[in-house]
Amino acid sequence: MYEQDNSQNNIREYNLRLGDFPQLIDEVSNTLTYVGYALTVGADQGSAVWKIKKIEQIGTVWYVQYANGDDQYINIWNNRSILNYK
């Protein structure tokens, strides 16, 4: 079910204007994928300027989690496999 949230739509539109789209995708396996969003295009993968999303299938359910449990641009892409996801 989709519910429209105007405040969320405004945030999404703002993020899209900033270029908030995946810059890196690491498909580790058929059941595990990391998606990286950076503050700037071409950001250094070793800099703490990444928002990282982990998409994982366990059984028949797909889980979408963010590094550190939030969508802040404070993570290092190179550390994606050892970060804590919530």
N, C-alpha and C. Protein backbone atom coordinates (compact mmCIF):
# COMPACT_ATOMS: atom_id res chain seq x y z
N MET A 1 0.84 -1.18 0.00
CA MET A 1 0.00 0.00 0.00
C MET A 1 0.89 1.24 0.00
N TYR A 2 0.58 2.17 -0.84
CA TYR A 2 1.37 3.41 -0.95
C TYR A 2 0.59 4.56 -0.34
N GLU A 3 1.25 5.29 0.54
CA GLU A 3 0.64 6.48 1.13
C GLU A 3 1.52 7.67 0.78
N GLN A 4 0.91 8.70 0.29
CA GLN A 4 1.66 9.89 -0.08
C GLN A 4 1.94 10.74 1.15
N ASP A 5 3.17 11.10 1.33
CA ASP A 5 3.59 11.96 2.43
C ASP A 5 4.27 13.16 1.80
N ASN A 6 3.60 14.30 1.82
CA ASN A 6 4.14 15.48 1.15
C ASN A 6 5.51 15.88 1.67
N SER A 7 5.73 15.77 2.97
CA SER A 7 7.04 16.14 3.50
C SER A 7 8.11 15.20 2.96
N GLN A 8 7.81 13.91 2.89
CA GLN A 8 8.76 12.95 2.33
C GLN A 8 8.99 13.21 0.85
N ASN A 9 7.92 13.53 0.12
CA ASN A 9 8.08 13.81 -1.31
C ASN A 9 8.98 15.01 -1.52
N ASN A 10 8.83 16.03 -0.69
CA ASN A 10 9.69 17.20 -0.80
C ASN A 10 11.14 16.82 -0.55
N ILE A 11 11.38 15.99 0.44
CA ILE A 11 12.74 15.54 0.73
C ILE A 11 13.29 14.74 -0.44
N ARG A 12 12.50 13.83 -0.98
CA ARG A 12 12.95 13.03 -2.11
C ARG A 12 13.27 13.91 -3.32
N GLU A 13 12.42 14.88 -3.60
CA GLU A 13 12.67 15.77 -4.73
C GLU A 13 13.96 16.55 -4.51
N TYR A 14 14.17 17.02 -3.31
CA TYR A 14 15.38 17.76 -2.98
C TYR A 14 16.61 16.87 -3.18
N ASN A 15 16.53 15.63 -2.68
CA ASN A 15 17.65 14.71 -2.82
C ASN A 15 17.93 14.39 -4.28
N LEU A 16 16.88 14.24 -5.09
CA LEU A 16 17.09 13.97 -6.50
C LEU A 16 17.78 15.14 -7.19
N ARG A 17 17.44 16.35 -6.80
CA ARG A 17 18.11 17.51 -7.37
C ARG A 17 19.59 17.51 -7.00
N LEU A 18 19.92 16.98 -5.83
CA LEU A 18 21.31 16.90 -5.41
C LEU A 18 22.03 15.73 -6.07
N GLY A 19 21.31 14.93 -6.83
CA GLY A 19 21.92 13.78 -7.47
C GLY A 19 21.90 12.55 -6.59
N ASP A 20 20.89 12.42 -5.76
CA ASP A 20 20.79 11.29 -4.84
C ASP A 20 20.30 10.06 -5.60
N PHE A 21 21.20 9.45 -6.32
CA PHE A 21 20.91 8.22 -7.03
C PHE A 21 22.12 7.32 -6.83
N PRO A 22 21.95 6.02 -6.96
CA PRO A 22 23.07 5.11 -6.69
C PRO A 22 24.27 5.42 -7.59
N GLN A 23 25.43 5.46 -6.97
CA GLN A 23 26.66 5.64 -7.74
C GLN A 23 27.43 4.34 -7.83
N LEU A 24 27.26 3.47 -6.83
CA LEU A 24 27.92 2.17 -6.85
C LEU A 24 26.94 1.10 -6.39
N ILE A 25 27.00 -0.05 -7.04
CA ILE A 25 26.18 -1.20 -6.65
C ILE A 25 27.10 -2.41 -6.62
N ASP A 26 27.12 -3.09 -5.48
CA ASP A 26 27.94 -4.29 -5.31
C ASP A 26 27.01 -5.48 -5.11
N GLU A 27 26.82 -6.27 -6.15
CA GLU A 27 25.97 -7.45 -6.04
C GLU A 27 26.85 -8.61 -5.60
N VAL A 28 26.89 -8.83 -4.30
CA VAL A 28 27.75 -9.83 -3.70
C VAL A 28 27.29 -11.24 -4.07
N SER A 29 25.98 -11.44 -4.06
CA SER A 29 25.40 -12.74 -4.40
C SER A 29 23.96 -12.51 -4.87
N ASN A 30 23.26 -13.60 -5.14
CA ASN A 30 21.85 -13.49 -5.54
C ASN A 30 20.97 -12.99 -4.42
N THR A 31 21.49 -13.02 -3.18
CA THR A 31 20.67 -12.64 -2.03
C THR A 31 21.24 -11.46 -1.25
N LEU A 32 22.34 -10.87 -1.72
CA LEU A 32 22.96 -9.76 -0.99
C LEU A 32 23.50 -8.72 -1.96
N THR A 33 23.02 -7.47 -1.78
CA THR A 33 23.47 -6.35 -2.61
C THR A 33 23.67 -5.13 -1.73
N TYR A 34 24.76 -4.40 -2.01
CA TYR A 34 25.01 -3.12 -1.36
C TYR A 34 24.83 -2.02 -2.41
N VAL A 35 24.17 -0.93 -2.00
CA VAL A 35 23.95 0.20 -2.90
C VAL A 35 24.56 1.43 -2.22
N GLY A 36 25.41 2.14 -2.97
CA GLY A 36 26.09 3.30 -2.41
C GLY A 36 25.66 4.60 -3.06
N TYR A 37 25.39 5.58 -2.22
CA TYR A 37 25.03 6.94 -2.64
C TYR A 37 26.09 7.87 -2.05
N ALA A 38 26.64 8.76 -2.85
CA ALA A 38 27.68 9.67 -2.35
C ALA A 38 27.21 11.11 -2.42
N LEU A 39 27.85 11.95 -1.61
CA LEU A 39 27.51 13.37 -1.61
C LEU A 39 27.83 14.02 -2.95
N THR A 40 28.89 13.56 -3.59
CA THR A 40 29.27 14.13 -4.88
C THR A 40 29.57 13.01 -5.87
N VAL A 41 29.36 13.28 -7.12
CA VAL A 41 29.66 12.31 -8.17
C VAL A 41 31.17 12.09 -8.18
N GLY A 42 31.56 10.82 -8.25
CA GLY A 42 32.98 10.48 -8.29
C GLY A 42 33.68 10.56 -6.95
N ALA A 43 32.91 10.51 -5.87
CA ALA A 43 33.50 10.59 -4.52
C ALA A 43 34.46 9.43 -4.28
N ASP A 44 35.49 9.71 -3.49
CA ASP A 44 36.47 8.70 -3.12
C ASP A 44 35.79 7.60 -2.29
N GLN A 45 36.02 6.36 -2.66
CA GLN A 45 35.39 5.23 -1.96
C GLN A 45 35.94 5.04 -0.56
N GLY A 46 37.04 5.69 -0.23
CA GLY A 46 37.62 5.60 1.10
C GLY A 46 37.27 6.79 1.99
N SER A 47 36.44 7.70 1.48
CA SER A 47 36.03 8.87 2.26
C SER A 47 34.68 8.63 2.94
N ALA A 48 34.48 9.29 4.06
CA ALA A 48 33.24 9.14 4.83
C ALA A 48 32.16 10.07 4.28
N VAL A 49 31.75 9.82 3.03
CA VAL A 49 30.74 10.66 2.36
C VAL A 49 29.66 9.80 1.72
N TRP A 50 29.49 8.58 2.21
CA TRP A 50 28.58 7.62 1.59
C TRP A 50 27.39 7.28 2.46
N LYS A 51 26.24 7.15 1.83
CA LYS A 51 25.05 6.53 2.42
C LYS A 51 25.01 5.15 1.80
N ILE A 52 24.94 4.11 2.62
CA ILE A 52 25.01 2.74 2.10
C ILE A 52 23.78 1.96 2.52
N LYS A 53 23.17 1.35 1.53
CA LYS A 53 21.98 0.53 1.76
C LYS A 53 22.34 -0.93 1.50
N LYS A 54 21.90 -1.80 2.39
CA LYS A 54 22.11 -3.24 2.25
C LYS A 54 20.76 -3.88 1.95
N ILE A 55 20.71 -4.65 0.89
CA ILE A 55 19.48 -5.35 0.51
C ILE A 55 19.79 -6.85 0.58
N GLU A 56 19.09 -7.55 1.46
CA GLU A 56 19.41 -8.96 1.70
C GLU A 56 18.15 -9.81 1.76
N GLN A 57 18.21 -10.95 1.12
CA GLN A 57 17.09 -11.89 1.16
C GLN A 57 17.39 -12.97 2.18
N ILE A 58 16.44 -13.16 3.10
CA ILE A 58 16.52 -14.24 4.08
C ILE A 58 15.22 -15.01 3.94
N GLY A 59 15.31 -16.23 3.46
CA GLY A 59 14.11 -17.01 3.14
C GLY A 59 13.41 -16.37 1.96
N THR A 60 12.15 -16.03 2.13
CA THR A 60 11.40 -15.40 1.06
C THR A 60 11.22 -13.90 1.27
N VAL A 61 11.87 -13.36 2.30
CA VAL A 61 11.71 -11.95 2.64
C VAL A 61 12.99 -11.18 2.28
N TRP A 62 12.79 -10.02 1.63
CA TRP A 62 13.91 -9.11 1.33
C TRP A 62 13.94 -8.01 2.39
N TYR A 63 15.11 -7.78 2.97
CA TYR A 63 15.30 -6.76 3.99
C TYR A 63 16.14 -5.62 3.41
N VAL A 64 15.71 -4.39 3.66
CA VAL A 64 16.45 -3.21 3.23
C VAL A 64 16.87 -2.47 4.50
N GLN A 65 18.18 -2.34 4.67
CA GLN A 65 18.72 -1.70 5.87
C GLN A 65 19.79 -0.70 5.47
N TYR A 66 20.00 0.29 6.35
CA TYR A 66 21.03 1.30 6.12
C TYR A 66 22.18 1.12 7.10
N ALA A 67 23.37 1.46 6.64
CA ALA A 67 24.53 1.45 7.53
C ALA A 67 24.26 2.39 8.70
N ASN A 68 24.53 1.93 9.89
CA ASN A 68 24.30 2.67 11.13
C ASN A 68 22.82 2.94 11.39
N GLY A 69 21.95 2.34 10.62
CA GLY A 69 20.52 2.48 10.84
C GLY A 69 19.94 3.80 10.38
N ASP A 70 20.71 4.59 9.61
CA ASP A 70 20.18 5.86 9.12
C ASP A 70 20.64 6.11 7.69
N ASP A 71 20.13 7.17 7.11
CA ASP A 71 20.48 7.46 5.71
C ASP A 71 21.39 8.67 5.60
N GLN A 72 22.33 8.77 6.54
CA GLN A 72 23.29 9.87 6.55
C GLN A 72 24.49 9.54 5.65
N TYR A 73 25.09 10.56 5.08
CA TYR A 73 26.25 10.41 4.22
C TYR A 73 27.53 10.47 5.06
N ILE A 74 27.72 9.45 5.91
CA ILE A 74 28.84 9.48 6.85
C ILE A 74 29.66 8.20 6.82
N ASN A 75 29.39 7.33 5.88
CA ASN A 75 30.04 6.03 5.85
C ASN A 75 31.10 5.96 4.77
N ILE A 76 31.95 4.95 4.87
CA ILE A 76 33.00 4.70 3.89
C ILE A 76 32.59 3.49 3.07
N TRP A 77 32.49 3.69 1.76
CA TRP A 77 32.05 2.62 0.87
C TRP A 77 32.93 1.37 1.02
N ASN A 78 34.22 1.55 1.14
CA ASN A 78 35.13 0.41 1.24
C ASN A 78 34.87 -0.45 2.48
N ASN A 79 34.17 0.09 3.47
CA ASN A 79 33.87 -0.64 4.71
C ASN A 79 32.49 -1.28 4.70
N ARG A 80 31.80 -1.26 3.58
CA ARG A 80 30.40 -1.68 3.53
C ARG A 80 30.13 -3.05 4.10
N SER A 81 31.03 -3.99 3.94
CA SER A 81 30.76 -5.36 4.41
C SER A 81 30.93 -5.51 5.92
N ILE A 82 31.56 -4.54 6.58
CA ILE A 82 31.78 -4.69 8.04
C ILE A 82 30.97 -3.69 8.86
N LEU A 83 30.17 -2.87 8.19
CA LEU A 83 29.34 -1.90 8.90
C LEU A 83 28.15 -2.56 9.57
N ASN A 84 27.58 -1.90 10.57
CA ASN A 84 26.39 -2.38 11.26
C ASN A 84 25.16 -1.83 10.54
N TYR A 85 24.26 -2.71 10.15
CA TYR A 85 23.06 -2.31 9.42
C TYR A 85 21.81 -2.53 10.26
N LYS A 86 20.89 -1.57 10.17
CA LYS A 86 19.63 -1.66 10.89
C LYS A 86 18.52 -1.25 9.95
